[in-house]
Every structure is written in C-alpha cells, then in structure tokens.
C-alpha cells in the first residue's frame, strides 16, 4: 500500500489547517523561539543563568525551552533576543497568492 503524499506549503502551521494569517504569525513566533533555544543551548546556560540574563523567572525559561509557543508574543521573543545581543531583521516579500493592493 502506498502512502498518500501532500506537498507542504512551506509553513507547517498552514499545513495543519490554521488560517493563513494565524499560520504566518505562529511561524514567526516559532522561528524566534527556536533561535532563543539554540542560543541558550549553545552557550550551555543553565535555566537560572538564562533567566537572569533575560530578566525573567526560571519557570519562564523552562516554558521557552519546552517550546510553549502559546505563552510568548513576538514582542517578548524579540526583546529576549535583544538581551542576548541579537538583532532581529524582518524581510518582507509578497506571497504568490497575495491579493492586489488598492
């Protein structure tokens, strides 16, 4: 028996059925969250050390490391990256299915 394959849209949240606007917002938040996880891991920071550097509590860092994306806004994640000396740059491009702008 052959498994049915469906081509990805490039956004796992869209593929899971989230509306396009929410899927894009989740993708951005997940990208930021993953970068924070990578920084904390690569610097071999204990959660208490990371919490001190980020100006948050250790349980907040635990939520971050467990991928609790629902608990973090884009602003919060960008602020946390800034505390690690990381600058976030957004790149805007139109999607292939974008509506014309009036």
C-alpha atoms as a PDB file:
ATOM      1  CA  UNK A   1       0.000   0.000   0.000  1.00  0.00           C
ATOM      2  CA  UNK A   2       1.332   3.444  -0.940  1.00  0.00           C
ATOM      3  CA  UNK A   3       1.102   6.375   1.428  1.00  0.00           C
ATOM      4  CA  UNK A   4      -0.528   9.498   0.049  1.00  0.00           C
ATOM      5  CA  UNK A   5       1.903  12.419  -0.015  1.00  0.00           C
ATOM      6  CA  UNK A   6       0.821  16.041   0.091  1.00  0.00           C
ATOM      7  CA  UNK A   7       3.227  18.815  -0.849  1.00  0.00           C
ATOM      8  CA  UNK A   8       3.936  21.227   2.001  1.00  0.00           C
ATOM      9  CA  UNK A   9       3.006  24.879   1.749  1.00  0.00           C
ATOM     10  CA  UNK A  10       6.310  25.700   3.450  1.00  0.00           C
ATOM     11  CA  UNK A  11       4.501  26.552   6.679  1.00  0.00           C
ATOM     12  CA  UNK A  12       3.772  23.603   8.958  1.00  0.00           C
ATOM     13  CA  UNK A  13       1.038  25.563  10.752  1.00  0.00           C
ATOM     14  CA  UNK A  14      -0.778  26.182   7.452  1.00  0.00           C
ATOM     15  CA  UNK A  15      -0.376  22.502   6.608  1.00  0.00           C
ATOM     16  CA  UNK A  16      -2.014  21.676   9.952  1.00  0.00           C
ATOM     17  CA  UNK A  17      -5.071  23.709   8.983  1.00  0.00           C
ATOM     18  CA  UNK A  18      -4.518  27.065  10.668  1.00  0.00           C
ATOM     19  CA  UNK A  19      -5.880  30.071   8.774  1.00  0.00           C
ATOM     20  CA  UNK A  20      -3.156  31.754   6.670  1.00  0.00           C
ATOM     21  CA  UNK A  21      -2.748  34.840   8.891  1.00  0.00           C
ATOM     22  CA  UNK A  22      -2.554  32.820  12.105  1.00  0.00           C
ATOM     23  CA  UNK A  23      -0.221  30.275  10.487  1.00  0.00           C
ATOM     24  CA  UNK A  24       2.209  33.025   9.477  1.00  0.00           C
ATOM     25  CA  UNK A  25       2.134  34.548  12.956  1.00  0.00           C
ATOM     26  CA  UNK A  26       2.835  31.129  14.510  1.00  0.00           C
ATOM     27  CA  UNK A  27       5.686  30.519  12.056  1.00  0.00           C
ATOM     28  CA  UNK A  28       7.349  33.800  13.009  1.00  0.00           C
ATOM     29  CA  UNK A  29       6.946  33.108  16.725  1.00  0.00           C
ATOM     30  CA  UNK A  30       8.325  29.590  16.334  1.00  0.00           C
ATOM     31  CA  UNK A  31      11.361  30.855  14.378  1.00  0.00           C
ATOM     32  CA  UNK A  32      12.133  33.366  17.147  1.00  0.00           C
ATOM     33  CA  UNK A  33      11.571  30.789  19.891  1.00  0.00           C
ATOM     34  CA  UNK A  34      13.856  28.253  18.186  1.00  0.00           C
ATOM     35  CA  UNK A  35      16.619  30.871  17.909  1.00  0.00           C
ATOM     36  CA  UNK A  36      16.373  31.546  21.638  1.00  0.00           C
ATOM     37  CA  UNK A  37      16.524  27.823  22.403  1.00  0.00           C
ATOM     38  CA  UNK A  38      19.625  27.486  20.209  1.00  0.00           C
ATOM     39  CA  UNK A  39      21.376  30.418  21.906  1.00  0.00           C
ATOM     40  CA  UNK A  40      20.663  29.110  25.401  1.00  0.00           C
ATOM     41  CA  UNK A  41      21.839  25.620  24.438  1.00  0.00           C
ATOM     42  CA  UNK A  42      24.939  26.741  22.526  1.00  0.00           C
ATOM     43  CA  UNK A  43      26.043  28.930  25.435  1.00  0.00           C
ATOM     44  CA  UNK A  44      25.395  25.987  27.753  1.00  0.00           C
ATOM     45  CA  UNK A  45      23.384  28.225  30.072  1.00  0.00           C
ATOM     46  CA  UNK A  46      21.506  26.753  32.973  1.00  0.00           C
ATOM     47  CA  UNK A  47      17.890  27.915  33.089  1.00  0.00           C
ATOM     48  CA  UNK A  48      18.601  30.085  36.141  1.00  0.00           C
ATOM     49  CA  UNK A  49      21.524  31.743  34.324  1.00  0.00           C
ATOM     50  CA  UNK A  50      19.428  32.342  31.210  1.00  0.00           C
ATOM     51  CA  UNK A  51      16.600  33.732  33.358  1.00  0.00           C
ATOM     52  CA  UNK A  52      18.953  36.240  34.960  1.00  0.00           C
ATOM     53  CA  UNK A  53      20.289  37.387  31.574  1.00  0.00           C
ATOM     54  CA  UNK A  54      16.776  37.638  30.138  1.00  0.00           C
ATOM     55  CA  UNK A  55      15.278  39.348  33.175  1.00  0.00           C
ATOM     56  CA  UNK A  56      12.628  36.655  33.624  1.00  0.00           C
ATOM     57  CA  UNK A  57      11.964  33.796  36.038  1.00  0.00           C
ATOM     58  CA  UNK A  58      13.427  30.312  35.677  1.00  0.00           C
ATOM     59  CA  UNK A  59       9.940  28.806  35.041  1.00  0.00           C
ATOM     60  CA  UNK A  60       9.585  31.255  32.123  1.00  0.00           C
ATOM     61  CA  UNK A  61      12.843  29.939  30.634  1.00  0.00           C
ATOM     62  CA  UNK A  62      11.556  26.399  31.194  1.00  0.00           C
ATOM     63  CA  UNK A  63       8.432  27.271  29.173  1.00  0.00           C
ATOM     64  CA  UNK A  64      10.678  28.662  26.440  1.00  0.00           C
ATOM     65  CA  UNK A  65      12.879  25.566  26.336  1.00  0.00           C
ATOM     66  CA  UNK A  66       9.815  23.273  26.241  1.00  0.00           C
ATOM     67  CA  UNK A  67       8.535  25.149  23.189  1.00  0.00           C
ATOM     68  CA  UNK A  68       5.431  26.631  24.818  1.00  0.00           C
ATOM     69  CA  UNK A  69       4.881  28.981  21.872  1.00  0.00           C
ATOM     70  CA  UNK A  70       1.402  29.853  23.140  1.00  0.00           C
ATOM     71  CA  UNK A  71       2.926  31.683  26.133  1.00  0.00           C
ATOM     72  CA  UNK A  72       5.150  34.097  24.168  1.00  0.00           C
ATOM     73  CA  UNK A  73       4.343  37.055  21.942  1.00  0.00           C
ATOM     74  CA  UNK A  74       6.526  38.185  19.052  1.00  0.00           C
ATOM     75  CA  UNK A  75       7.446  41.303  21.063  1.00  0.00           C
ATOM     76  CA  UNK A  76       8.534  39.255  24.073  1.00  0.00           C
ATOM     77  CA  UNK A  77      10.666  36.930  21.953  1.00  0.00           C
ATOM     78  CA  UNK A  78      12.332  39.846  20.131  1.00  0.00           C
ATOM     79  CA  UNK A  79      13.037  41.536  23.482  1.00  0.00           C
ATOM     80  CA  UNK A  80      14.624  38.332  24.780  1.00  0.00           C
ATOM     81  CA  UNK A  81      16.820  38.025  21.686  1.00  0.00           C
ATOM     82  CA  UNK A  82      17.894  41.651  22.133  1.00  0.00           C
ATOM     83  CA  UNK A  83      19.007  40.874  25.696  1.00  0.00           C
ATOM     84  CA  UNK A  84      21.345  38.279  24.177  1.00  0.00           C
ATOM     85  CA  UNK A  85      22.684  40.913  21.771  1.00  0.00           C
ATOM     86  CA  UNK A  86      20.832  39.506  18.778  1.00  0.00           C
ATOM     87  CA  UNK A  87      19.230  41.936  16.354  1.00  0.00           C
ATOM     88  CA  UNK A  88      16.127  40.753  14.516  1.00  0.00           C
ATOM     89  CA  UNK A  89      15.636  41.792  10.912  1.00  0.00           C
ATOM     90  CA  UNK A  90      12.386  41.204   9.068  1.00  0.00           C
ATOM     91  CA  UNK A  91      12.302  40.536   5.357  1.00  0.00           C
ATOM     92  CA  UNK A  92       9.064  41.335   3.583  1.00  0.00           C
ATOM     93  CA  UNK A  93       8.055  39.633   0.357  1.00  0.00           C
ATOM     94  CA  UNK A  94       4.725  39.072  -1.255  1.00  0.00           C
ATOM     95  CA  UNK A  95       3.308  35.592  -1.415  1.00  0.00           C
ATOM     96  CA  UNK A  96       2.457  34.025  -4.750  1.00  0.00           C
ATOM     97  CA  UNK A  97      -1.220  34.167  -3.824  1.00  0.00           C
ATOM     98  CA  UNK A  98      -1.237  37.713  -2.486  1.00  0.00           C
ATOM     99  CA  UNK A  99      -4.206  39.930  -3.184  1.00  0.00           C
ATOM    100  CA  UNK A 100      -3.607  43.128  -5.154  1.00  0.00           C
ATOM    101  CA  UNK A 101      -3.098  46.217  -3.030  1.00  0.00           C
ATOM    102  CA  UNK A 102      -5.502  49.074  -3.801  1.00  0.00           C
END
